[in-house]
Amino acid sequence: MAGKAKDNKGGSEAKKEPSPFSPGQIKKFVGEVQTEFTKIVWPDKKVTLGLTGMVILLAIVVSAYLGTVDVILGKVISTILR
C-alpha cells in the first residue's frame, strides 16, 4: 500500500451533528412528539373505568391472600417456637 496516502484524522470523516440541546433540535423533537401524540388511540371512559375496577379488585384479592398467608405462617412459627 505504498502508493495510497490517507489523510485520516482519527478515523472516517463524519458530519458533525448539532447538539441535541440546541434550540433547533429541541423544536424538532417537540414537533415529532406532537406528531406521535396524534397517532395515539385513547380508550373511552367505559373501558378505563372497567380496567380501573379490575386493578382495584385484583389489589384487594392479592392483599387479602397475602394477609391470610402472613397470619397463618405467623401462628405456625409461634407454635413451633413455644
Protein backbone atom coordinates (compact mmCIF):
# COMPACT_ATOMS: atom_id res chain seq x y z
CA MET A 1 0.00 0.00 0.00
CA ALA A 2 2.85 2.33 -0.75
CA GLY A 3 1.05 4.30 -3.43
CA LYS A 4 -2.00 5.30 -1.39
CA ALA A 5 -1.71 8.16 1.07
CA LYS A 6 -4.51 8.68 3.50
CA ASP A 7 -5.39 11.87 5.30
CA ASN A 8 -7.06 10.17 8.23
CA LYS A 9 -7.55 12.28 11.31
CA GLY A 10 -9.00 9.90 13.88
CA GLY A 11 -10.98 7.63 11.59
CA SER A 12 -13.52 8.31 8.89
CA GLU A 13 -14.76 11.76 8.11
CA ALA A 14 -18.22 12.12 9.61
CA LYS A 15 -20.59 15.05 9.57
CA LYS A 16 -20.71 16.99 12.80
CA GLU A 17 -24.16 16.58 14.26
CA PRO A 18 -25.63 19.52 16.12
CA SER A 19 -26.03 19.26 19.86
CA PRO A 20 -29.32 17.62 20.91
CA PHE A 21 -29.81 20.57 23.27
CA SER A 22 -29.66 23.21 20.57
CA PRO A 23 -32.90 25.18 20.05
CA GLY A 24 -33.38 23.77 16.57
CA GLN A 25 -33.09 20.17 17.77
CA ILE A 26 -35.44 20.80 20.71
CA LYS A 27 -38.03 22.32 18.36
CA LYS A 28 -37.68 19.32 16.03
CA PHE A 29 -38.12 16.90 18.97
CA VAL A 30 -41.25 18.69 20.25
CA GLY A 31 -42.73 18.62 16.75
CA GLU A 32 -42.07 14.88 16.45
CA VAL A 33 -43.66 14.26 19.87
CA GLN A 34 -46.77 16.21 18.86
CA THR A 35 -47.00 14.17 15.65
CA GLU A 36 -46.77 10.90 17.59
CA PHE A 37 -49.41 12.07 20.11
CA THR A 38 -51.90 12.49 17.27
CA LYS A 39 -51.46 8.76 16.47
CA ILE A 40 -52.43 7.58 19.98
CA VAL A 41 -55.79 5.88 20.32
CA TRP A 42 -57.01 6.59 23.84
CA PRO A 43 -59.56 4.23 25.46
CA ASP A 44 -63.02 5.58 26.14
CA LYS A 45 -64.36 6.27 29.62
CA LYS A 46 -66.21 2.94 29.96
CA VAL A 47 -63.10 0.87 29.20
CA THR A 48 -60.96 2.99 31.52
CA LEU A 49 -63.40 2.61 34.42
CA GLY A 50 -63.67 -1.14 33.81
CA LEU A 51 -59.92 -1.65 33.81
CA THR A 52 -59.53 0.55 36.89
CA GLY A 53 -62.12 -1.56 38.68
CA MET A 54 -60.26 -4.73 37.72
CA VAL A 55 -57.00 -3.34 39.09
CA ILE A 56 -58.63 -2.34 42.38
CA LEU A 57 -60.35 -5.74 42.70
CA LEU A 58 -57.10 -7.58 41.96
CA ALA A 59 -55.24 -5.46 44.55
CA ILE A 60 -57.89 -6.32 47.18
CA VAL A 61 -57.77 -10.06 46.37
CA VAL A 62 -53.96 -10.20 46.43
CA SER A 63 -53.72 -8.23 49.68
CA ALA A 64 -56.33 -10.50 51.34
CA TYR A 65 -54.41 -13.58 50.19
CA LEU A 66 -51.06 -12.26 51.41
CA GLY A 67 -52.59 -11.15 54.70
CA THR A 68 -54.09 -14.59 55.27
CA VAL A 69 -50.81 -16.33 54.45
CA ASP A 70 -48.98 -13.95 56.82
CA VAL A 71 -51.36 -14.66 59.71
CA ILE A 72 -51.23 -18.44 59.15
CA LEU A 73 -47.44 -18.53 58.89
CA GLY A 74 -47.15 -16.29 61.95
CA LYS A 75 -49.27 -18.71 64.02
CA VAL A 76 -47.32 -21.73 62.73
CA ILE A 77 -43.98 -20.13 63.60
CA SER A 78 -45.16 -19.01 67.04
CA THR A 79 -46.44 -22.55 67.73
CA ILE A 80 -43.10 -24.05 66.68
CA LEU A 81 -41.09 -21.62 68.81
CA ARG A 82 -43.07 -22.32 72.03
